[in-house]
Structure formats: C-alpha cells, structure tokens
Amino acid sequence: MIKKMIQEHPFMMIIITILSISTNGLETVANLILITATNTIISRKTALFFILSGAILLVYLIHWFTGYYANIFEEKMIQATNHDIRKKYMRNQMTLALEDKLNPDDTINVVTNDILLFDQQYLKGFYKLFNCIFGIILSSVALISLHWSLFLASVIMTVLLMFVPKLVGKRLRTTTGNISSNNDKLLKKLNDWTKGYHDLLWNNALFQLWRKTHNSFHTLENSYVDQKRAQQTAVQFGAFMNMAAQVAVNALAGYLAINNMVTFGVVMSAGNLAYQLFGAVSVSTDSIILLQSGSSINDKLVSLTKPVSVDRFEKHQDEIDNIKNIKLHNLSYEYKNGTKIKYPDINVSKGDKVLITGPSGSGKTTLINLLSGRLNDYKGSLKLNNIEYSSFNNLSFLKIFGLQPQSYHIFNDTIANNIALSNDKYSSEQINSAVKKAQLSEKITSLSQGLKTLIGSESEVFSGGELQRVSLARFFIKKRPILIVDEGTSALDKNNAYKVMNLLTQDKNLTLFVITHSIDNDVLSLFNKHINLSQE
C-alpha cells in the first residue's frame, strides 16, 4: 500500500521528503552551533555567545516552520491515500453489487472503522518512521564528527532499542485484527436489532436492545484495551532504554572531555545529539510498533482494493435487444433446506401481462429472482427467445428487467433526483413524463418547489403510497421492456392501485409480471395470463 501511495502522489512525497530533511537537519545544525556557543562561555566571549545564541534561536524558528508544513503535507498525503482506498473499494463494491454480493454492514465498517485504524496506525506509523530515518542519519553523522567512540556507543544502544518492536509485534497484529473483527460483529448486531425496534416496542421488549448488544460493545471495548496494553508494554520499555542510552552517551562524552579528547562544549552537544538520535530511534520503534499493529488492516485493505473484474461480454446481444418471449418448462428450484418448488409451464410473449398469485412461501419471490436472472441454479428449462438463461451473462438481465419492489428506498434528496437517481442524462421532459405515468403530477404541482422538493424515507411531504409511486417512476424513466411488480402497489389505495395497473397493462409493448397475495377481480381482468402457485 505504501508503494502505491508514493507512486500515485510522487510530487507531494518529494515535498514531504524535502521538509523532513530540512527539519531534522536544522535541529542537528543547532546542536553543532551549541558546541561553539558553550565554548565561548569558557573563553568569556560574551558578545559572540549572544550572537550564537541568536543564531540557534533563528535555526529553531526555521525548524519549527519546516516541521509545521511537513506535518500538514503528511496529513494531506494520508487523507489523499484514504480517499484513493475508499474510491477503489467502493468501485469494487459497485461491481459486487451487480451480482447481488454487496454487504452494507461490511461496506460501512471498511470505509469508516478500518480506514480509521489504517490511518491512525499504519500510515501514521510510516510517516513517523520516515521522519525518524533522517533524524537518525543526520545526528549520527554529527556524532562521528565529534568523536568516533560517541558514534560507536550510539550504534550499540540503537541496536538494543530496535529489538523492542520484536517483543510485541505478533500480539499487536492480533489485537488490531480483533478490533476490526469485533467492530464488524457489533455493526451486524446493531443493524439487526435496531431495525426491529418497532417489533420490540409493540411486544414490550425494548430492553432487549441493550441486553442483546452490550456484550458486543464490551468485547470491542476490551479489544481496544488489549491493544493499548500491548502498545504501552513496548513504548514504556523503549522509553526506559532510550533514557539509559542518553545517560551512557553523556557519560562517555564527559569522560572524553576530562581526558582532553574533546572540548567541554561537546559534552552538552553530545547529550543533545544523543537525545535527537535516541529520540528518533525511540519514535521509530513506536512507529514500527504502529506499523505492526496496522499490518493486518493493511493486508485486509490491499485485498479488498484489488480490482474485481466482471465479464460484461454478451454473446447473445441481438436477443437482448429484441425480447420476444420467455418460456418455463418443468422449472423447479430447491432451497438449501431441501424444500423444492415446482413451477407451471408457461409461455410469455412480448406484451403479455402476467399475474402471479399464491400464499406466502409458495415461491413467488423465488420465481421473480429466476425470471430476472438473479438465481441460476435451477432445474428444468427457463428460456429467453428460445435460448436457455444459463447462456446469457447475468448482467444483461439488468438491461431488460425493471423491478418495482415491495420494499424500496427513498433517498434524502429532491424528488427529481430520486426519480432519475441523480443521473444527469435524463431531461426535465423525461422526468415529467415519468411523474405523469406514476400518477404524481397533481401532487408535485401543489408543492411550492415542485420537483426540487426535498424528500426522504421519513418524508412528511408524501404519503407511503406517493413514495411508492416515486419508486415506480424510476422504472418509467428507464423504459425497460419487462417490468416486475413485487407487491409494488401495496401502499396505494384501491383506486390508485387500479389506475397504476391499468396504465401498465395498457402499454402494448411492455411485458408485465405482477406478484400479489390477494386477487381483485377488477385487477385480474387487466391481465391475459395468470400463474397461480397455490395449485402447485
């Protein structure tokens, strides 16, 4: 993931590198100036001491400036990377959605919690480590220039410090993976139980909301505690080793000064350079720990953002463009629990209006999934233009069928955008035509903002039946040759339901399948074919 980040944002990475080198270099320069400044005190050169002190202050001021912008550009790079990951992941999810394999809970967890973990641990760990490398190199060069033994002592202590991440690396990877997994489980449980709150309310069982979810909250909270415990074990041990290393280098510099091998000023600067070096080593150790913590999330995101390909080639494109008939012969479907449903033979020609009735569990919804190509593991024969369904690309069926479901979603957006689904290719005339066919013109005309009126699933502007007609208008604007209505007029009153059905059945070119639990004689008379699953 790091390699891709650099490849996709090279210019920003160059800026960050320059600022990082400048920031660490200025700190090293300030420490070297301090040697001369300290020696001027011994030589009682007061004026030069103040001049050098001013120079040190100026260097640290520029150091602050470059450090400030280095952090800003790092955050920009991190957020750009997060955006790239979300973009690639969401593209993959859109591809999976074409095959009905999208899981909303998993999607939300990845683009929120997993990205946050990746940001705070893996990316932050990388940039801290990246900055520390320059600090380690520059302070090491400065120590060599002072005395080789100071550098040798620093190398030995650095090696000892670098062993710290190895002590807890595996445990950190495990704890981070647990956080992601436990958060995913929590989201699924919350989604399940909060969606059913109406059932809980009317059965005097709202207390179950907390009872059924508090253990999942507790498990997730403990995951964070376990991770912090593992991190702090390494951080505190590393801090102790860092302090011990600085004391050792200071002691060595003092010994060298006593034996006139270095000036007195070197003692103070050696201590500061050791602080810079071991501080960088300590932070790099923490950074490696963060990288190890986030490695499991990094692996997960790398896997989830690999391009997902879908075969869109349709060898029977001519048949898709000219639908003539659909034939069912000895068609059956067997569920995983062993239940098997057999369907009556039927030949549906272009323009036929087919009513599908039957009690719950009779296989109405399964039949619709078979007809629309969402299920392909059927037995018997299901043909489109005398070609078996299995010979077609499943994605092609999305261009043929429109679906008016019983459960639909209204977005928090304008009426126009809800109908066109924010697709700019549809003109105002097309939207108005769809509105008219869905029997919504009178209602929308009465609204001060018309099609620009904001609505949503909890809208008080429209009734349930009117919202259902907004959903139906989506089909009218797309003009698919086949429409499936799955109890899609259930929220309409009898009069409006009849009007909509009459409109649909009057379209001679539209092939219509309508599922309903109940049979109204007036509605039944509008259809020329009837599949009664209760007889099978």
Protein backbone atom coordinates (compact mmCIF):
# COMPACT_ATOMS: atom_id res chain seq x y z
CA MET A 1 0.00 0.00 0.00
CA ILE A 2 2.89 2.41 0.82
CA LYS A 3 4.46 1.82 -2.60
CA LYS A 4 1.18 2.60 -4.36
CA MET A 5 0.75 5.74 -2.24
CA ILE A 6 4.15 7.07 -3.33
CA GLN A 7 3.56 6.14 -6.97
CA GLU A 8 0.18 7.88 -7.06
CA HIS A 9 1.35 11.07 -5.27
CA PRO A 10 5.07 11.50 -6.18
CA PHE A 11 5.14 15.31 -6.12
CA MET A 12 3.63 15.52 -2.65
CA MET A 13 6.07 12.86 -1.43
CA ILE A 14 9.02 14.92 -2.75
CA ILE A 15 7.80 17.96 -0.82
CA ILE A 16 7.41 15.90 2.37
CA THR A 17 10.92 14.48 1.93
CA ILE A 18 12.50 17.93 1.48
CA LEU A 19 10.66 19.32 4.52
CA SER A 20 11.57 16.29 6.63
CA ILE A 21 15.27 16.50 5.75
CA SER A 22 15.23 20.27 6.43
CA THR A 23 13.53 19.85 9.80
CA ASN A 24 15.95 17.20 11.06
CA GLY A 25 18.97 18.94 9.51
CA LEU A 26 18.18 22.24 11.21
CA GLU A 27 17.94 20.52 14.60
CA THR A 28 21.38 18.94 14.04
CA VAL A 29 22.86 22.29 12.94
CA ALA A 30 21.51 23.95 16.09
CA ASN A 31 23.17 21.31 18.25
CA LEU A 32 26.51 21.79 16.47
CA ILE A 33 26.33 25.59 16.91
CA LEU A 34 25.74 24.94 20.62
CA ILE A 35 29.26 23.45 20.88
CA THR A 36 30.87 26.73 19.86
CA ALA A 37 28.40 28.74 21.95
CA THR A 38 29.25 26.68 25.07
CA ASN A 39 33.00 27.04 24.46
CA THR A 40 32.64 30.85 24.17
CA ILE A 41 31.34 30.89 27.76
CA ILE A 42 34.59 29.25 28.93
CA SER A 43 36.54 31.76 26.81
CA ARG A 44 34.37 34.59 28.23
CA LYS A 45 33.46 35.86 24.74
CA THR A 46 30.13 37.30 25.81
CA ALA A 47 29.21 39.10 22.58
CA LEU A 48 29.92 36.01 20.43
CA PHE A 49 27.93 33.86 22.85
CA PHE A 50 24.83 36.03 22.40
CA ILE A 51 25.29 36.13 18.63
CA LEU A 52 25.50 32.31 18.51
CA SER A 53 22.51 32.01 20.85
CA GLY A 54 20.53 34.21 18.48
CA ALA A 55 21.63 32.02 15.58
CA ILE A 56 20.43 28.92 17.43
CA LEU A 57 17.07 30.61 18.06
CA LEU A 58 16.75 31.52 14.37
CA VAL A 59 17.60 27.97 13.29
CA TYR A 60 14.96 26.56 15.65
CA LEU A 61 12.42 29.08 14.31
CA ILE A 62 13.00 27.86 10.75
CA HIS A 63 12.96 24.28 12.15
CA TRP A 64 9.51 24.94 13.59
CA PHE A 65 8.32 26.35 10.25
CA THR A 66 9.50 23.36 8.19
CA GLY A 67 8.20 20.90 10.80
CA TYR A 68 4.79 22.56 10.75
CA TYR A 69 4.42 22.26 6.99
CA ALA A 70 5.89 18.75 6.95
CA ASN A 71 3.05 17.64 9.26
CA ILE A 72 0.44 19.45 7.16
CA PHE A 73 1.62 17.83 3.92
CA GLU A 74 1.82 14.42 5.62
CA GLU A 75 -1.80 14.73 6.68
CA LYS A 76 -2.78 15.77 3.14
CA MET A 77 -0.96 12.73 1.79
CA ILE A 78 -2.63 10.45 4.34
CA GLN A 79 -6.10 11.75 3.53
CA ALA A 80 -5.42 11.52 -0.21
CA THR A 81 -4.39 7.90 0.33
CA ASN A 82 -7.52 7.20 2.40
CA HIS A 83 -9.61 8.73 -0.38
CA ASP A 84 -7.89 6.56 -3.00
CA ILE A 85 -8.55 3.43 -0.93
CA ARG A 86 -12.21 4.34 -0.42
CA LYS A 87 -12.57 5.06 -4.15
CA LYS A 88 -11.05 1.70 -5.19
CA TYR A 89 -13.03 -0.18 -2.55
CA MET A 90 -16.33 1.45 -3.47
CA ARG A 91 -15.71 0.70 -7.15
CA ASN A 92 -15.24 -2.95 -6.22
CA GLN A 93 -18.42 -2.84 -4.14
CA MET A 94 -20.33 -1.45 -7.11
CA THR A 95 -19.05 -4.36 -9.18
CA LEU A 96 -20.09 -6.85 -6.47
CA ALA A 97 -23.49 -5.15 -6.28
CA LEU A 98 -24.06 -6.08 -9.92
CA GLU A 99 -24.05 -9.70 -8.76
CA ASP A 100 -26.04 -9.02 -5.55
CA LYS A 101 -22.97 -9.68 -3.38
CA LEU A 102 -22.76 -6.31 -1.60
CA ASN A 103 -22.99 -6.40 2.21
CA PRO A 104 -23.93 -2.92 3.58
CA ASP A 105 -22.61 -3.64 7.10
CA ASP A 106 -19.22 -4.79 5.82
CA THR A 107 -19.01 -1.80 3.49
CA ILE A 108 -19.70 0.71 6.26
CA ASN A 109 -17.18 -0.98 8.58
CA VAL A 110 -14.41 -0.86 5.96
CA VAL A 111 -14.86 2.78 4.87
CA THR A 112 -15.15 4.04 8.47
CA ASN A 113 -13.57 1.89 11.17
CA ASP A 114 -10.99 0.03 9.07
CA ILE A 115 -9.84 3.18 7.27
CA LEU A 116 -9.53 4.96 10.64
CA LEU A 117 -7.37 2.12 12.01
CA PHE A 118 -5.27 2.17 8.84
CA ASP A 119 -4.86 5.95 9.14
CA GLN A 120 -4.02 6.10 12.83
CA GLN A 121 -1.74 3.09 12.91
CA TYR A 122 -0.27 2.07 9.58
CA LEU A 123 0.04 5.42 7.76
CA LYS A 124 0.88 7.45 10.87
CA GLY A 125 3.44 4.79 11.76
CA PHE A 126 5.03 5.01 8.31
CA TYR A 127 5.42 8.80 8.33
CA LYS A 128 6.82 8.86 11.84
CA LEU A 129 9.34 6.22 10.81
CA PHE A 130 10.09 8.12 7.59
CA ASN A 131 10.92 11.31 9.54
CA CYS A 132 12.98 9.45 12.09
CA ILE A 133 15.27 7.94 9.46
CA PHE A 134 16.62 11.41 8.56
CA GLY A 135 16.98 12.33 12.23
CA ILE A 136 18.97 9.16 12.89
CA ILE A 137 21.24 9.66 9.86
CA LEU A 138 22.00 13.35 10.47
CA SER A 139 22.56 13.04 14.22
CA SER A 140 24.82 10.01 13.63
CA VAL A 141 26.94 11.97 11.14
CA ALA A 142 27.24 14.80 13.68
CA LEU A 143 28.33 12.39 16.44
CA ILE A 144 31.00 10.89 14.14
CA SER A 145 32.36 14.40 13.53
CA LEU A 146 32.68 14.90 17.29
CA HIS A 147 34.36 11.56 18.15
CA TRP A 148 34.14 8.06 16.72
CA SER A 149 33.53 6.50 20.13
CA LEU A 150 30.37 8.57 20.63
CA PHE A 151 29.02 7.22 17.38
CA LEU A 152 30.01 3.63 18.22
CA ALA A 153 28.28 3.84 21.60
CA SER A 154 25.19 5.27 19.89
CA VAL A 155 25.11 2.43 17.35
CA ILE A 156 25.29 -0.19 20.10
CA MET A 157 22.47 1.43 22.05
CA THR A 158 20.42 1.88 18.84
CA VAL A 159 20.67 -1.83 18.07
CA LEU A 160 19.36 -2.63 21.54
CA LEU A 161 16.46 -0.21 21.10
CA MET A 162 15.48 -1.74 17.76
CA PHE A 163 14.76 -5.09 19.42
CA VAL A 164 11.79 -3.62 21.31
CA PRO A 165 9.20 -3.99 18.46
CA LYS A 166 10.02 -7.66 18.06
CA LEU A 167 8.83 -8.29 21.62
CA VAL A 168 5.19 -7.41 20.93
CA GLY A 169 4.82 -7.36 17.13
CA LYS A 170 2.72 -10.52 16.82
CA ARG A 171 0.50 -9.56 19.74
CA LEU A 172 -0.15 -6.11 18.22
CA ARG A 173 -1.17 -7.56 14.87
CA THR A 174 -3.59 -9.85 16.66
CA THR A 175 -5.15 -7.09 18.77
CA THR A 176 -5.70 -4.82 15.76
CA GLY A 177 -7.28 -7.65 13.80
CA ASN A 178 -9.56 -8.30 16.78
CA ILE A 179 -10.70 -4.66 16.80
CA SER A 180 -11.75 -4.81 13.15
CA SER A 181 -13.45 -8.19 13.56
CA ASN A 182 -15.30 -7.23 16.75
CA ASN A 183 -16.44 -3.92 15.25
CA ASP A 184 -17.81 -5.77 12.24
CA LYS A 185 -19.76 -8.14 14.52
CA LEU A 186 -21.08 -5.20 16.53
CA LEU A 187 -22.33 -3.40 13.40
CA LYS A 188 -24.17 -6.51 12.24
CA LYS A 189 -25.86 -6.97 15.61
CA LEU A 190 -26.76 -3.28 15.92
CA ASN A 191 -28.17 -3.26 12.40
CA ASP A 192 -30.25 -6.35 13.14
CA TRP A 193 -31.71 -5.24 16.47
CA THR A 194 -32.21 -1.52 15.75
CA LYS A 195 -34.08 -2.31 12.51
CA GLY A 196 -36.50 -4.40 14.54
CA TYR A 197 -37.19 -1.82 17.20
CA HIS A 198 -40.86 -1.50 16.16
CA ASP A 199 -41.38 -5.19 16.83
CA LEU A 200 -39.63 -4.83 20.18
CA LEU A 201 -41.72 -1.77 21.05
CA TRP A 202 -45.09 -3.39 20.38
CA ASN A 203 -44.07 -6.55 22.20
CA ASN A 204 -42.85 -4.65 25.28
CA ALA A 205 -39.30 -5.89 24.66
CA LEU A 206 -37.25 -2.71 24.05
CA PHE A 207 -34.96 -3.74 26.91
CA GLN A 208 -33.60 -6.41 24.55
CA LEU A 209 -31.81 -3.69 22.54
CA TRP A 210 -29.22 -3.26 25.29
CA ARG A 211 -29.38 -6.84 26.51
CA LYS A 212 -28.55 -8.21 23.06
CA THR A 213 -25.84 -5.66 22.20
CA HIS A 214 -23.99 -4.83 25.42
CA ASN A 215 -21.75 -7.90 25.23
CA SER A 216 -20.65 -6.88 21.73
CA PHE A 217 -19.88 -3.36 22.98
CA HIS A 218 -17.93 -4.84 25.87
CA THR A 219 -15.94 -7.13 23.58
CA LEU A 220 -14.98 -4.25 21.27
CA GLU A 221 -14.01 -2.02 24.19
CA ASN A 222 -11.82 -4.77 25.61
CA SER A 223 -10.15 -5.14 22.20
CA TYR A 224 -9.00 -1.51 22.37
CA VAL A 225 -7.77 -2.02 25.93
CA ASP A 226 -5.80 -5.12 24.87
CA GLN A 227 -4.22 -3.20 22.02
CA LYS A 228 -3.25 -0.28 24.27
CA ARG A 229 -1.78 -2.71 26.79
CA ALA A 230 0.42 -4.29 24.12
CA GLN A 231 1.46 -0.88 22.76
CA GLN A 232 2.31 0.52 26.19
CA THR A 233 4.39 -2.53 27.09
CA ALA A 234 6.65 -1.74 24.15
CA VAL A 235 6.52 2.07 24.48
CA GLN A 236 7.42 2.19 28.18
CA PHE A 237 10.23 -0.33 27.83
CA GLY A 238 11.51 1.63 24.84
CA ALA A 239 11.37 4.89 26.84
CA PHE A 240 13.48 3.35 29.61
CA MET A 241 16.05 2.07 27.11
CA ASN A 242 16.11 5.49 25.43
CA MET A 243 16.90 7.27 28.72
CA ALA A 244 19.57 4.73 29.59
CA ALA A 245 21.19 5.22 26.17
CA GLN A 246 21.31 9.02 26.58
CA VAL A 247 22.91 8.70 30.03
CA ALA A 248 25.53 6.33 28.60
CA VAL A 249 26.48 8.69 25.73
CA ASN A 250 26.61 11.70 28.11
CA ALA A 251 28.85 9.78 30.47
CA LEU A 252 31.19 8.85 27.60
CA ALA A 253 31.33 12.48 26.39
CA GLY A 254 32.15 13.61 29.94
CA TYR A 255 34.97 11.07 30.15
CA LEU A 256 36.39 12.27 26.80
CA ALA A 257 36.25 15.92 27.95
CA ILE A 258 38.02 15.13 31.26
CA ASN A 259 40.79 13.47 29.30
CA ASN A 260 41.00 16.48 26.92
CA MET A 261 39.95 14.36 23.94
CA VAL A 262 37.02 16.73 23.15
CA THR A 263 36.08 20.23 24.26
CA PHE A 264 33.69 20.89 27.13
CA GLY A 265 31.09 22.14 24.63
CA VAL A 266 30.96 18.68 23.07
CA VAL A 267 29.58 17.25 26.35
CA MET A 268 26.44 19.35 26.15
CA SER A 269 26.00 18.96 22.41
CA ALA A 270 26.69 15.23 22.56
CA GLY A 271 23.89 14.96 25.07
CA ASN A 272 21.56 16.91 22.76
CA LEU A 273 22.60 14.92 19.70
CA ALA A 274 22.16 11.70 21.66
CA TYR A 275 18.71 12.95 22.64
CA GLN A 276 17.97 13.69 18.97
CA LEU A 277 19.30 10.28 17.88
CA PHE A 278 17.71 8.15 20.56
CA GLY A 279 14.55 10.22 20.45
CA ALA A 280 14.36 9.43 16.75
CA VAL A 281 15.17 5.77 17.42
CA SER A 282 12.54 5.65 20.17
CA VAL A 283 9.88 7.23 17.94
CA SER A 284 10.90 4.92 15.09
CA THR A 285 10.49 1.99 17.49
CA ASP A 286 7.00 3.24 18.36
CA SER A 287 6.37 3.71 14.63
CA ILE A 288 7.39 0.15 13.85
CA ILE A 289 5.03 -0.96 16.62
CA LEU A 290 2.24 1.07 14.97
CA LEU A 291 3.09 -0.42 11.58
CA GLN A 292 2.92 -3.90 13.08
CA SER A 293 -0.41 -3.00 14.72
CA GLY A 294 -1.81 -1.87 11.41
CA SER A 295 -0.30 -4.59 9.23
CA SER A 296 -3.39 -6.77 9.48
CA ILE A 297 -5.61 -3.84 8.39
CA ASN A 298 -3.16 -3.02 5.60
CA ASP A 299 -3.34 -6.62 4.35
CA LYS A 300 -7.13 -6.53 4.52
CA LEU A 301 -7.38 -3.26 2.56
CA VAL A 302 -4.85 -4.43 -0.03
CA SER A 303 -7.02 -7.49 -0.61
CA LEU A 304 -10.28 -5.51 -0.73
CA THR A 305 -8.95 -2.91 -3.19
CA LYS A 306 -7.62 -5.38 -5.75
CA PRO A 307 -9.61 -4.80 -8.95
CA VAL A 308 -12.67 -7.03 -9.21
CA SER A 309 -13.47 -7.88 -12.79
CA VAL A 310 -16.88 -8.83 -14.12
CA ASP A 311 -17.42 -10.38 -17.52
CA ARG A 312 -19.70 -7.95 -19.32
CA PHE A 313 -19.50 -9.62 -22.74
CA GLU A 314 -22.85 -10.80 -24.05
CA LYS A 315 -22.70 -13.24 -26.96
CA HIS A 316 -26.48 -13.01 -27.47
CA GLN A 317 -26.69 -9.22 -27.63
CA ASP A 318 -29.16 -9.31 -30.54
CA GLU A 319 -31.58 -11.36 -28.42
CA ILE A 320 -31.22 -8.94 -25.51
CA ASP A 321 -32.08 -6.04 -27.79
CA ASN A 322 -35.20 -7.76 -29.13
CA ILE A 323 -37.14 -9.65 -26.45
CA LYS A 324 -39.79 -11.91 -27.97
CA ASN A 325 -40.74 -14.48 -25.32
CA ILE A 326 -39.89 -16.22 -22.06
CA LYS A 327 -40.66 -19.92 -21.62
CA LEU A 328 -40.82 -22.03 -18.45
CA HIS A 329 -40.85 -25.82 -18.80
CA ASN A 330 -40.51 -28.27 -15.89
CA LEU A 331 -38.91 -25.42 -13.97
CA SER A 332 -38.09 -26.06 -10.29
CA TYR A 333 -35.87 -24.68 -7.59
CA GLU A 334 -34.52 -26.42 -4.50
CA TYR A 335 -33.59 -24.43 -1.38
CA LYS A 336 -30.66 -25.25 0.87
CA ASN A 337 -33.03 -26.71 3.46
CA GLY A 338 -34.21 -29.28 0.89
CA THR A 339 -37.56 -27.64 0.10
CA LYS A 340 -38.34 -27.86 -3.60
CA ILE A 341 -40.77 -25.71 -5.56
CA LYS A 342 -42.10 -26.66 -8.98
CA TYR A 343 -43.49 -24.05 -11.34
CA PRO A 344 -46.18 -24.49 -14.00
CA ASP A 345 -45.19 -24.37 -17.65
CA ILE A 346 -45.94 -21.07 -19.31
CA ASN A 347 -45.04 -19.21 -22.48
CA VAL A 348 -44.89 -15.43 -22.01
CA SER A 349 -44.77 -13.41 -25.21
CA LYS A 350 -43.77 -9.79 -25.67
CA GLY A 351 -46.52 -7.54 -24.31
CA ASP A 352 -48.16 -10.23 -22.14
CA LYS A 353 -49.48 -9.17 -18.74
CA VAL A 354 -48.89 -11.95 -16.20
CA LEU A 355 -50.40 -12.04 -12.71
CA ILE A 356 -48.59 -14.27 -10.18
CA THR A 357 -50.57 -15.23 -7.09
CA GLY A 358 -50.14 -17.60 -4.19
CA PRO A 359 -49.75 -17.67 -0.40
CA SER A 360 -46.55 -16.84 1.45
CA GLY A 361 -43.89 -19.47 0.90
CA SER A 362 -45.32 -20.62 -2.41
CA GLY A 363 -42.24 -19.41 -4.32
CA LYS A 364 -43.41 -16.12 -5.82
CA THR A 365 -40.28 -14.16 -4.92
CA THR A 366 -38.05 -17.06 -5.98
CA LEU A 367 -39.81 -17.14 -9.37
CA ILE A 368 -39.10 -13.44 -9.80
CA ASN A 369 -35.43 -13.98 -8.93
CA LEU A 370 -35.30 -16.76 -11.52
CA LEU A 371 -37.02 -14.68 -14.21
CA SER A 372 -34.72 -11.69 -13.59
CA GLY A 373 -31.56 -13.85 -13.71
CA ARG A 374 -30.60 -13.37 -10.04
CA LEU A 375 -30.78 -17.13 -9.44
CA ASN A 376 -29.29 -19.54 -11.97
CA ASP A 377 -29.03 -22.86 -10.11
CA TYR A 378 -32.48 -24.02 -11.23
CA LYS A 379 -33.63 -27.35 -12.62
CA GLY A 380 -35.63 -27.72 -15.81
CA SER A 381 -35.80 -25.15 -18.57
CA LEU A 382 -36.03 -21.37 -18.46
CA LYS A 383 -35.57 -19.74 -21.87
CA LEU A 384 -35.41 -16.23 -23.28
CA ASN A 385 -36.10 -16.15 -27.04
CA ASN A 386 -35.67 -19.95 -27.01
CA ILE A 387 -32.16 -19.62 -25.52
CA GLU A 388 -31.51 -21.07 -22.05
CA TYR A 389 -30.99 -18.43 -19.36
CA SER A 390 -27.65 -20.03 -18.42
CA SER A 391 -26.27 -19.00 -21.83
CA PHE A 392 -26.68 -15.29 -21.04
CA ASN A 393 -24.45 -13.02 -18.99
CA ASN A 394 -26.41 -12.30 -15.79
CA LEU A 395 -25.57 -8.61 -16.04
CA SER A 396 -27.51 -8.43 -19.30
CA PHE A 397 -30.75 -9.05 -17.41
CA LEU A 398 -30.29 -5.69 -15.66
CA LYS A 399 -30.83 -4.06 -19.06
CA ILE A 400 -34.03 -6.00 -19.66
CA PHE A 401 -35.89 -6.05 -16.36
CA GLY A 402 -37.21 -3.26 -14.20
CA LEU A 403 -38.30 -4.05 -10.63
CA GLN A 404 -40.89 -2.31 -8.52
CA PRO A 405 -40.22 -3.92 -5.12
CA GLN A 406 -42.43 -4.00 -2.08
CA SER A 407 -39.52 -2.61 -0.04
CA TYR A 408 -37.89 0.34 -1.79
CA HIS A 409 -35.58 3.13 -0.65
CA ILE A 410 -36.20 6.85 -0.93
CA PHE A 411 -33.00 8.90 -0.71
CA ASN A 412 -32.70 12.15 1.24
CA ASP A 413 -32.72 14.25 -1.92
CA THR A 414 -35.05 16.07 -4.29
CA ILE A 415 -38.00 14.36 -5.97
CA ALA A 416 -36.26 14.76 -9.35
CA ASN A 417 -33.04 13.17 -8.14
CA ASN A 418 -34.97 10.33 -6.52
CA ILE A 419 -36.67 9.55 -9.81
CA ALA A 420 -33.61 9.97 -12.05
CA LEU A 421 -31.31 8.64 -9.29
CA SER A 422 -29.18 11.76 -9.85
CA ASN A 423 -28.41 10.69 -13.42
CA ASP A 424 -27.84 13.84 -15.50
CA LYS A 425 -28.63 12.05 -18.77
CA TYR A 426 -32.37 12.36 -18.07
CA SER A 427 -34.00 15.62 -19.16
CA SER A 428 -36.74 17.53 -17.36
CA GLU A 429 -39.18 16.35 -20.01
CA GLN A 430 -38.31 12.69 -19.31
CA ILE A 431 -38.68 13.18 -15.57
CA ASN A 432 -42.05 14.91 -16.01
CA SER A 433 -43.22 12.11 -18.28
CA ALA A 434 -42.29 9.53 -15.63
CA VAL A 435 -44.07 11.61 -12.97
CA LYS A 436 -47.23 11.68 -15.10
CA LYS A 437 -47.23 7.93 -15.66
CA ALA A 438 -46.74 7.34 -11.92
CA GLN A 439 -49.85 9.45 -11.17
CA LEU A 440 -47.82 12.09 -9.25
CA SER A 441 -48.29 15.21 -11.40
CA GLU A 442 -51.12 16.72 -9.35
CA LYS A 443 -49.29 16.24 -6.06
CA ILE A 444 -45.98 17.66 -7.27
CA THR A 445 -47.68 20.66 -8.90
CA SER A 446 -49.15 21.53 -5.49
CA LEU A 447 -45.67 21.78 -3.94
CA SER A 448 -44.02 25.23 -3.98
CA GLN A 449 -40.66 23.80 -5.06
CA GLY A 450 -42.11 21.15 -7.35
CA LEU A 451 -39.58 18.51 -8.40
CA LYS A 452 -36.91 20.28 -6.32
CA THR A 453 -38.78 19.45 -3.11
CA LEU A 454 -36.61 17.52 -0.65
CA ILE A 455 -37.98 14.15 0.44
CA GLY A 456 -36.67 11.04 2.21
CA SER A 457 -37.74 7.68 3.60
CA GLU A 458 -39.25 9.52 6.59
CA SER A 459 -40.76 12.23 4.39
CA GLU A 460 -43.82 14.10 5.66
CA VAL A 461 -44.34 15.64 2.23
CA PHE A 462 -45.55 12.39 0.65
CA SER A 463 -47.69 9.57 1.94
CA GLY A 464 -46.48 5.98 1.78
CA GLY A 465 -48.41 5.41 -1.42
CA GLU A 466 -46.95 8.53 -3.04
CA LEU A 467 -43.43 7.47 -2.10
CA GLN A 468 -44.17 4.11 -3.70
CA ARG A 469 -45.13 5.91 -6.89
CA VAL A 470 -41.81 7.81 -6.79
CA SER A 471 -40.15 4.39 -6.83
CA LEU A 472 -42.38 3.32 -9.73
CA ALA A 473 -41.44 6.48 -11.66
CA ARG A 474 -37.85 5.21 -11.69
CA PHE A 475 -38.97 2.39 -13.97
CA PHE A 476 -40.91 4.67 -16.28
CA ILE A 477 -37.87 6.85 -16.87
CA LYS A 478 -35.62 3.87 -17.69
CA LYS A 479 -38.10 2.26 -20.12
CA ARG A 480 -37.11 -1.37 -19.65
CA PRO A 481 -39.03 -3.87 -21.86
CA ILE A 482 -40.06 -6.04 -18.87
CA LEU A 483 -41.38 -4.87 -15.52
CA ILE A 484 -41.74 -6.97 -12.36
CA VAL A 485 -44.05 -5.56 -9.71
CA ASP A 486 -43.49 -7.34 -6.38
CA GLU A 487 -46.45 -6.17 -4.30
CA GLY A 488 -45.30 -2.81 -5.63
CA THR A 489 -48.68 -1.11 -5.24
CA SER A 490 -49.36 -2.38 -1.72
CA ALA A 491 -49.14 1.11 -0.22
CA LEU A 492 -51.66 2.54 -2.70
CA ASP A 493 -55.38 2.71 -2.05
CA LYS A 494 -57.60 0.52 -4.23
CA ASN A 495 -58.48 3.29 -6.64
CA ASN A 496 -54.88 4.45 -7.26
CA ALA A 497 -53.60 0.88 -7.42
CA TYR A 498 -56.12 0.16 -10.15
CA LYS A 499 -55.12 3.31 -12.04
CA VAL A 500 -51.44 2.34 -11.97
CA MET A 501 -52.19 -1.25 -13.02
CA ASN A 502 -54.49 -0.05 -15.77
CA LEU A 503 -51.75 2.26 -17.06
CA LEU A 504 -49.17 -0.55 -17.03
CA THR A 505 -51.43 -3.08 -18.71
CA GLN A 506 -52.41 -0.64 -21.44
CA ASP A 507 -48.81 -0.42 -22.66
CA LYS A 508 -48.84 -2.97 -25.50
CA ASN A 509 -45.06 -3.21 -25.73
CA LEU A 510 -44.49 -3.75 -22.01
CA THR A 511 -44.18 -7.32 -20.73
CA LEU A 512 -45.51 -7.23 -17.17
CA PHE A 513 -45.22 -9.62 -14.22
CA VAL A 514 -47.15 -8.69 -11.08
CA ILE A 515 -46.93 -10.54 -7.77
CA THR A 516 -49.81 -10.21 -5.36
CA HIS A 517 -51.13 -12.08 -2.32
CA SER A 518 -54.74 -11.17 -2.95
CA ILE A 519 -56.80 -11.23 -6.13
CA ASP A 520 -59.06 -8.34 -7.03
CA ASN A 521 -61.44 -9.23 -9.88
CA ASP A 522 -61.13 -5.74 -11.41
CA VAL A 523 -57.33 -6.03 -11.41
CA LEU A 524 -57.42 -9.67 -12.56
CA SER A 525 -59.39 -8.67 -15.63
CA LEU A 526 -56.49 -6.46 -16.76
CA PHE A 527 -54.17 -9.48 -17.20
CA ASN A 528 -54.20 -12.01 -20.01
CA LYS A 529 -52.21 -14.67 -18.12
CA HIS A 530 -52.29 -15.94 -14.55
CA ILE A 531 -49.80 -18.12 -12.65
CA ASN A 532 -51.48 -19.50 -9.54
CA LEU A 533 -48.76 -21.06 -7.37
CA SER A 534 -51.19 -22.24 -4.71
CA GLN A 535 -52.27 -25.01 -7.06
CA GLU A 536 -48.78 -26.47 -7.34
